[in-house]
C-alpha atoms as a PDB file:
ATOM      1  CA  MET A   1     -18.790 -16.922  -3.784  1.00  0.00           C
ATOM      2  CA  PRO A   2     -19.600 -20.586  -3.107  1.00  0.00           C
ATOM      3  CA  THR A   3     -23.148 -21.286  -1.966  1.00  0.00           C
ATOM      4  CA  GLY A   4     -23.464 -21.767   1.769  1.00  0.00           C
ATOM      5  CA  VAL A   5     -20.377 -19.758   2.725  1.00  0.00           C
ATOM      6  CA  ALA A   6     -21.433 -17.175   5.295  1.00  0.00           C
ATOM      7  CA  LEU A   7     -20.154 -13.629   5.085  1.00  0.00           C
ATOM      8  CA  ARG A   8     -19.367 -11.930   8.366  1.00  0.00           C
ATOM      9  CA  ASP A   9     -20.596  -8.352   8.726  1.00  0.00           C
ATOM     10  CA  VAL A  10     -22.077  -8.350   5.227  1.00  0.00           C
ATOM     11  CA  ARG A  11     -23.354  -4.790   5.391  1.00  0.00           C
ATOM     12  CA  GLU A  12     -19.994  -3.432   6.504  1.00  0.00           C
ATOM     13  CA  GLN A  13     -18.174  -5.482   3.891  1.00  0.00           C
ATOM     14  CA  LEU A  14     -20.423  -4.061   1.167  1.00  0.00           C
ATOM     15  CA  PHE A  15     -20.151  -0.512   2.538  1.00  0.00           C
ATOM     16  CA  ASP A  16     -16.351  -0.747   2.638  1.00  0.00           C
ATOM     17  CA  ALA A  17     -16.303  -2.039  -0.940  1.00  0.00           C
ATOM     18  CA  ALA A  18     -18.514   0.840  -2.089  1.00  0.00           C
ATOM     19  CA  GLU A  19     -16.264   3.322  -0.302  1.00  0.00           C
ATOM     20  CA  ARG A  20     -13.161   1.948  -2.009  1.00  0.00           C
ATOM     21  CA  ILE A  21     -14.845   2.281  -5.420  1.00  0.00           C
ATOM     22  CA  LEU A  22     -15.990   5.816  -4.657  1.00  0.00           C
ATOM     23  CA  LEU A  23     -12.516   6.896  -3.597  1.00  0.00           C
ATOM     24  CA  ARG A  24     -10.764   5.152  -6.458  1.00  0.00           C
ATOM     25  CA  ASP A  25     -13.143   5.619  -9.397  1.00  0.00           C
ATOM     26  CA  GLY A  26     -15.841   8.124  -8.402  1.00  0.00           C
ATOM     27  CA  PRO A  27     -19.649   7.899  -8.249  1.00  0.00           C
ATOM     28  CA  SER A  28     -20.166   6.973 -11.910  1.00  0.00           C
ATOM     29  CA  ALA A  29     -18.344   3.670 -11.314  1.00  0.00           C
ATOM     30  CA  LEU A  30     -20.528   2.712  -8.365  1.00  0.00           C
ATOM     31  CA  THR A  31     -22.941  -0.021  -9.430  1.00  0.00           C
ATOM     32  CA  SER A  32     -24.345  -2.982  -7.534  1.00  0.00           C
ATOM     33  CA  ARG A  33     -22.218  -5.303  -9.669  1.00  0.00           C
ATOM     34  CA  ALA A  34     -19.056  -3.285  -9.000  1.00  0.00           C
ATOM     35  CA  VAL A  35     -19.752  -3.333  -5.256  1.00  0.00           C
ATOM     36  CA  THR A  36     -20.290  -7.079  -5.066  1.00  0.00           C
ATOM     37  CA  ILE A  37     -17.218  -7.778  -7.211  1.00  0.00           C
ATOM     38  CA  GLU A  38     -15.138  -5.471  -5.006  1.00  0.00           C
ATOM     39  CA  ALA A  39     -16.547  -7.178  -1.894  1.00  0.00           C
ATOM     40  CA  GLY A  40     -15.856 -10.618  -3.339  1.00  0.00           C
ATOM     41  CA  CYS A  41     -19.416 -11.893  -3.064  1.00  0.00           C
ATOM     42  CA  ALA A  42     -22.315 -12.858  -5.298  1.00  0.00           C
ATOM     43  CA  LYS A  43     -24.501 -10.057  -6.677  1.00  0.00           C
ATOM     44  CA  GLY A  44     -27.545 -11.486  -4.929  1.00  0.00           C
ATOM     45  CA  VAL A  45     -25.975 -10.834  -1.530  1.00  0.00           C
ATOM     46  CA  LEU A  46     -26.547  -7.088  -1.838  1.00  0.00           C
ATOM     47  CA  HIS A  47     -30.167  -7.561  -2.838  1.00  0.00           C
ATOM     48  CA  ARG A  48     -30.810  -9.936   0.060  1.00  0.00           C
ATOM     49  CA  HIS A  49     -29.847  -7.199   2.518  1.00  0.00           C
ATOM     50  CA  PHE A  50     -31.237  -4.099   0.777  1.00  0.00           C
ATOM     51  CA  ALA A  51     -34.470  -3.446  -1.113  1.00  0.00           C
ATOM     52  CA  ASP A  52     -32.562  -2.023  -4.092  1.00  0.00           C
ATOM     53  CA  PHE A  53     -29.301  -0.302  -4.923  1.00  0.00           C
ATOM     54  CA  ASP A  54     -30.485   3.180  -3.953  1.00  0.00           C
ATOM     55  CA  ALA A  55     -31.591   1.825  -0.575  1.00  0.00           C
ATOM     56  CA  PHE A  56     -28.075   0.419  -0.186  1.00  0.00           C
ATOM     57  CA  LEU A  57     -26.528   3.773  -1.096  1.00  0.00           C
ATOM     58  CA  ALA A  58     -28.803   5.648   1.320  1.00  0.00           C
ATOM     59  CA  GLU A  59     -27.752   3.302   4.135  1.00  0.00           C
ATOM     60  CA  LEU A  60     -24.099   3.776   3.148  1.00  0.00           C
ATOM     61  CA  VAL A  61     -24.407   7.571   3.357  1.00  0.00           C
ATOM     62  CA  LEU A  62     -26.216   7.447   6.704  1.00  0.00           C
ATOM     63  CA  ASP A  63     -23.698   4.944   8.100  1.00  0.00           C
ATOM     64  CA  ARG A  64     -20.789   7.191   7.142  1.00  0.00           C
ATOM     65  CA  ALA A  65     -22.603  10.218   8.582  1.00  0.00           C
ATOM     66  CA  ASP A  66     -23.112   8.339  11.882  1.00  0.00           C
ATOM     67  CA  ARG A  67     -19.378   7.746  12.088  1.00  0.00           C
ATOM     68  CA  MET A  68     -18.825  11.469  12.505  1.00  0.00           C
ATOM     69  CA  ALA A  69     -19.956  11.288  16.131  1.00  0.00           C
ATOM     70  CA  GLY A  70     -16.496  10.123  17.204  1.00  0.00           C
ATOM     71  CA  GLN A  71     -14.767  12.868  15.218  1.00  0.00           C
ATOM     72  CA  ALA A  72     -17.130  15.459  16.678  1.00  0.00           C
ATOM     73  CA  ALA A  73     -16.434  14.302  20.246  1.00  0.00           C
ATOM     74  CA  ALA A  74     -12.668  14.342  19.674  1.00  0.00           C
ATOM     75  CA  LEU A  75     -12.757  17.847  18.218  1.00  0.00           C
ATOM     76  CA  ARG A  76     -14.940  19.172  21.016  1.00  0.00           C
ATOM     77  CA  ASP A  77     -12.643  17.559  23.593  1.00  0.00           C
ATOM     78  CA  SER A  78      -9.700  19.406  22.036  1.00  0.00           C
ATOM     79  CA  ALA A  79     -11.229  22.772  23.003  1.00  0.00           C
ATOM     80  CA  GLY A  80      -8.796  24.686  25.182  1.00  0.00           C
ATOM     81  CA  THR A  81      -5.783  22.692  23.968  1.00  0.00           C
ATOM     82  CA  GLY A  82      -3.443  23.394  21.081  1.00  0.00           C
ATOM     83  CA  ALA A  83      -4.256  26.234  18.703  1.00  0.00           C
ATOM     84  CA  VAL A  84      -7.795  26.811  17.437  1.00  0.00           C
ATOM     85  CA  VAL A  85      -6.531  27.164  13.860  1.00  0.00           C
ATOM     86  CA  GLY A  86      -4.491  23.972  14.190  1.00  0.00           C
ATOM     87  CA  ASN A  87      -7.414  22.023  15.645  1.00  0.00           C
ATOM     88  CA  LEU A  88      -9.718  23.167  12.831  1.00  0.00           C
ATOM     89  CA  THR A  89      -7.092  22.510  10.161  1.00  0.00           C
ATOM     90  CA  GLY A  90      -6.722  18.955  11.427  1.00  0.00           C
ATOM     91  CA  ALA A  91     -10.479  18.441  11.609  1.00  0.00           C
ATOM     92  CA  LEU A  92     -11.089  19.697   8.072  1.00  0.00           C
ATOM     93  CA  THR A  93      -8.212  17.666   6.668  1.00  0.00           C
ATOM     94  CA  GLY A  94      -9.420  14.509   8.431  1.00  0.00           C
ATOM     95  CA  LEU A  95     -12.942  15.086   7.179  1.00  0.00           C
ATOM     96  CA  PHE A  96     -12.111  15.753   3.556  1.00  0.00           C
ATOM     97  CA  GLU A  97      -9.342  13.193   3.201  1.00  0.00           C
ATOM     98  CA  SER A  98     -11.965  10.603   4.136  1.00  0.00           C
ATOM     99  CA  VAL A  99     -14.827   9.522   1.900  1.00  0.00           C
ATOM    100  CA  ALA A 100     -16.751  12.756   2.577  1.00  0.00           C
ATOM    101  CA  VAL A 101     -15.971  14.481  -0.732  1.00  0.00           C
ATOM    102  CA  ALA A 102     -16.881  11.342  -2.684  1.00  0.00           C
ATOM    103  CA  ILE A 103     -20.144  10.950  -0.733  1.00  0.00           C
ATOM    104  CA  VAL A 104     -21.150  14.509  -1.600  1.00  0.00           C
ATOM    105  CA  ALA A 105     -20.412  13.810  -5.268  1.00  0.00           C
ATOM    106  CA  LEU A 106     -22.466  10.612  -5.056  1.00  0.00           C
ATOM    107  CA  ILE A 107     -25.469  12.434  -3.572  1.00  0.00           C
ATOM    108  CA  THR A 108     -25.211  15.070  -6.290  1.00  0.00           C
ATOM    109  CA  PHE A 109     -24.864  12.402  -8.993  1.00  0.00           C
ATOM    110  CA  ARG A 110     -27.934  10.290  -8.112  1.00  0.00           C
ATOM    111  CA  ASP A 111     -31.408  11.841  -8.058  1.00  0.00           C
ATOM    112  CA  GLU A 112     -33.054   8.753  -6.559  1.00  0.00           C
ATOM    113  CA  LEU A 113     -30.515   8.665  -3.728  1.00  0.00           C
ATOM    114  CA  ARG A 114     -31.286  12.296  -2.851  1.00  0.00           C
ATOM    115  CA  ALA A 115     -34.999  11.453  -2.810  1.00  0.00           C
ATOM    116  CA  ARG A 116     -34.365   8.493  -0.466  1.00  0.00           C
ATOM    117  CA  LEU A 117     -32.228  10.565   1.858  1.00  0.00           C
ATOM    118  CA  ARG A 118     -34.886  13.269   2.083  1.00  0.00           C
ATOM    119  CA  GLU A 119     -37.147  10.709   3.791  1.00  0.00           C
ATOM    120  CA  THR A 120     -34.860  10.683   6.851  1.00  0.00           C
ATOM    121  CA  TRP A 121     -32.681  13.733   6.253  1.00  0.00           C
ATOM    122  CA  PRO A 122     -34.992  16.591   5.229  1.00  0.00           C
ATOM    123  CA  VAL A 123     -32.465  19.450   5.271  1.00  0.00           C
ATOM    124  CA  GLY A 124     -28.871  19.753   4.113  1.00  0.00           C
ATOM    125  CA  VAL A 125     -26.395  17.206   2.820  1.00  0.00           C
ATOM    126  CA  PRO A 126     -25.493  14.298   5.109  1.00  0.00           C
ATOM    127  CA  ILE A 127     -21.880  14.423   6.311  1.00  0.00           C
ATOM    128  CA  LEU A 128     -21.473  18.096   5.369  1.00  0.00           C
ATOM    129  CA  THR A 129     -24.362  19.082   7.640  1.00  0.00           C
ATOM    130  CA  ASP A 130     -22.891  16.941  10.428  1.00  0.00           C
ATOM    131  CA  ALA A 131     -19.477  18.452   9.820  1.00  0.00           C
ATOM    132  CA  ALA A 132     -20.857  21.985  10.113  1.00  0.00           C
ATOM    133  CA  THR A 133     -22.575  21.020  13.382  1.00  0.00           C
ATOM    134  CA  MET A 134     -19.304  19.512  14.629  1.00  0.00           C
ATOM    135  CA  ILE A 135     -17.313  22.663  13.803  1.00  0.00           C
ATOM    136  CA  ALA A 136     -19.983  24.949  15.308  1.00  0.00           C
ATOM    137  CA  ALA A 137     -19.985  22.941  18.559  1.00  0.00           C
ATOM    138  CA  TYR A 138     -16.209  23.143  18.746  1.00  0.00           C
ATOM    139  CA  LEU A 139     -16.173  26.893  18.090  1.00  0.00           C
ATOM    140  CA  ALA A 140     -18.906  27.362  20.712  1.00  0.00           C
ATOM    141  CA  ALA A 141     -16.773  25.468  23.225  1.00  0.00           C
ATOM    142  CA  GLU A 142     -13.770  27.662  22.399  1.00  0.00           C
ATOM    143  CA  ARG A 143     -15.992  30.732  22.708  1.00  0.00           C
ATOM    144  CA  GLU A 144     -16.983  29.631  26.209  1.00  0.00           C
ATOM    145  CA  LEU A 145     -13.280  29.317  27.048  1.00  0.00           C
ATOM    146  CA  GLY A 146     -12.569  32.819  25.717  1.00  0.00           C
ATOM    147  CA  ARG A 147     -10.340  31.657  22.857  1.00  0.00           C
ATOM    148  CA  VAL A 148     -12.977  32.760  20.322  1.00  0.00           C
ATOM    149  CA  ALA A 149     -14.728  36.129  20.584  1.00  0.00           C
ATOM    150  CA  ALA A 150     -17.909  36.218  22.655  1.00  0.00           C
ATOM    151  CA  ASP A 151     -19.830  37.699  19.724  1.00  0.00           C
ATOM    152  CA  ALA A 152     -18.496  35.229  17.117  1.00  0.00           C
ATOM    153  CA  GLU A 153     -21.266  33.817  14.914  1.00  0.00           C
ATOM    154  CA  VAL A 154     -20.200  30.190  15.134  1.00  0.00           C
ATOM    155  CA  ASP A 155     -23.250  28.995  13.198  1.00  0.00           C
ATOM    156  CA  ALA A 156     -22.106  31.129  10.252  1.00  0.00           C
ATOM    157  CA  LEU A 157     -18.377  30.438  10.592  1.00  0.00           C
ATOM    158  CA  ALA A 158     -18.835  26.652  10.642  1.00  0.00           C
ATOM    159  CA  PRO A 159     -20.541  26.225   7.238  1.00  0.00           C
ATOM    160  CA  THR A 160     -18.135  28.780   5.765  1.00  0.00           C
ATOM    161  CA  LEU A 161     -15.225  26.597   6.880  1.00  0.00           C
ATOM    162  CA  ILE A 162     -16.916  23.471   5.537  1.00  0.00           C
ATOM    163  CA  GLY A 163     -17.612  25.085   2.162  1.00  0.00           C
ATOM    164  CA  ALA A 164     -14.077  26.428   1.851  1.00  0.00           C
ATOM    165  CA  GLY A 165     -12.621  23.073   2.906  1.00  0.00           C
ATOM    166  CA  HIS A 166     -14.780  21.206   0.430  1.00  0.00           C
ATOM    167  CA  LEU A 167     -13.583  23.423  -2.407  1.00  0.00           C
ATOM    168  CA  LEU A 168      -9.948  22.787  -1.463  1.00  0.00           C
ATOM    169  CA  PHE A 169     -10.380  19.005  -1.504  1.00  0.00           C
ATOM    170  CA  ALA A 170     -13.019  18.651  -4.242  1.00  0.00           C
ATOM    171  CA  ASP A 171     -10.646  17.718  -7.065  1.00  0.00           C
ATOM    172  CA  ARG A 172     -10.740  13.966  -6.452  1.00  0.00           C
ATOM    173  CA  LYS A 173      -7.997  13.215  -9.012  1.00  0.00           C
ATOM    174  CA  GLY A 174      -5.774  16.086  -7.939  1.00  0.00           C
ATOM    175  CA  VAL A 175      -3.134  16.311  -5.256  1.00  0.00           C
ATOM    176  CA  PRO A 176      -4.584  17.091  -1.799  1.00  0.00           C
ATOM    177  CA  PRO A 177      -3.883  20.624  -0.603  1.00  0.00           C
ATOM    178  CA  GLU A 178      -0.833  21.208   1.562  1.00  0.00           C
ATOM    179  CA  PRO A 179      -1.543  21.582   5.292  1.00  0.00           C
ATOM    180  CA  GLU A 180      -0.344  25.188   5.051  1.00  0.00           C
ATOM    181  CA  THR A 181      -3.004  25.895   2.414  1.00  0.00           C
ATOM    182  CA  VAL A 182      -5.760  24.513   4.625  1.00  0.00           C
ATOM    183  CA  GLU A 183      -4.397  26.439   7.593  1.00  0.00           C
ATOM    184  CA  LYS A 184      -4.366  29.673   5.585  1.00  0.00           C
ATOM    185  CA  VAL A 185      -8.035  29.219   4.659  1.00  0.00           C
ATOM    186  CA  VAL A 186      -8.976  28.472   8.276  1.00  0.00           C
ATOM    187  CA  THR A 187      -7.078  31.539   9.465  1.00  0.00           C
ATOM    188  CA  THR A 188      -8.755  33.708   6.846  1.00  0.00           C
ATOM    189  CA  VAL A 189     -12.235  32.524   7.838  1.00  0.00           C
ATOM    190  CA  ILE A 190     -11.907  32.669  11.622  1.00  0.00           C
ATOM    191  CA  GLY A 191      -8.949  34.999  12.164  1.00  0.00           C
ATOM    192  CA  GLY A 192     -11.145  37.941  13.131  1.00  0.00           C
ATOM    193  CA  ALA A 193     -12.888  35.859  15.798  1.00  0.00           C
ATOM    194  CA  LEU A 194      -9.736  34.526  17.455  1.00  0.00           C
ATOM    195  CA  ARG A 195      -8.683  35.687  20.877  1.00  0.00           C
ATOM    196  CA  GLU A 196      -5.441  33.715  20.951  1.00  0.00           C
ATOM    197  CA  PRO A 197      -2.279  33.631  18.830  1.00  0.00           C
ATOM    198  CA  SER A 198      -3.013  31.777  15.563  1.00  0.00           C
ATOM    199  CA  SER A 199      -0.025  29.442  16.027  1.00  0.00           C
END
């Protein structure tokens, strides 16, 4: 990058580059050099905005976790409409077809990143913890509407759905599961709690 040429939204440009590498090549390919090459900027740009590469990665993870607020609001707003199984199938597919699976692999892959994240995120795995909260809030809303049983343990069902969904999508190089496969898992997990037709 020529000296003196300003980058707009540098952080977002670097985050997007890191996300593309994660999705394409996995966490082992994610280096500061790879990110700056992918972003089309000089290596020093990353280090001018972040203390070190693990600080950059921690900010990337937290930024992507923050983006779940919109997904959570949309899912909660869908309570009472459509089918519960269909809404959850769509939410899980949207979550795991995004960078979420790669972020979890990245956190697992880098010890220093986990240590950094623990400073601001003491419990759970960012994104997956948010996703479980999102699903639990949705199920609670459906419970209030009577479409999920009054005694349903939504705080247990939500992480079960997230874990099952993660396993379905975890093979980064494989073919994503068919919607019917995701729907079958959702039905299996929450079927006993439903108080509406599953489709």
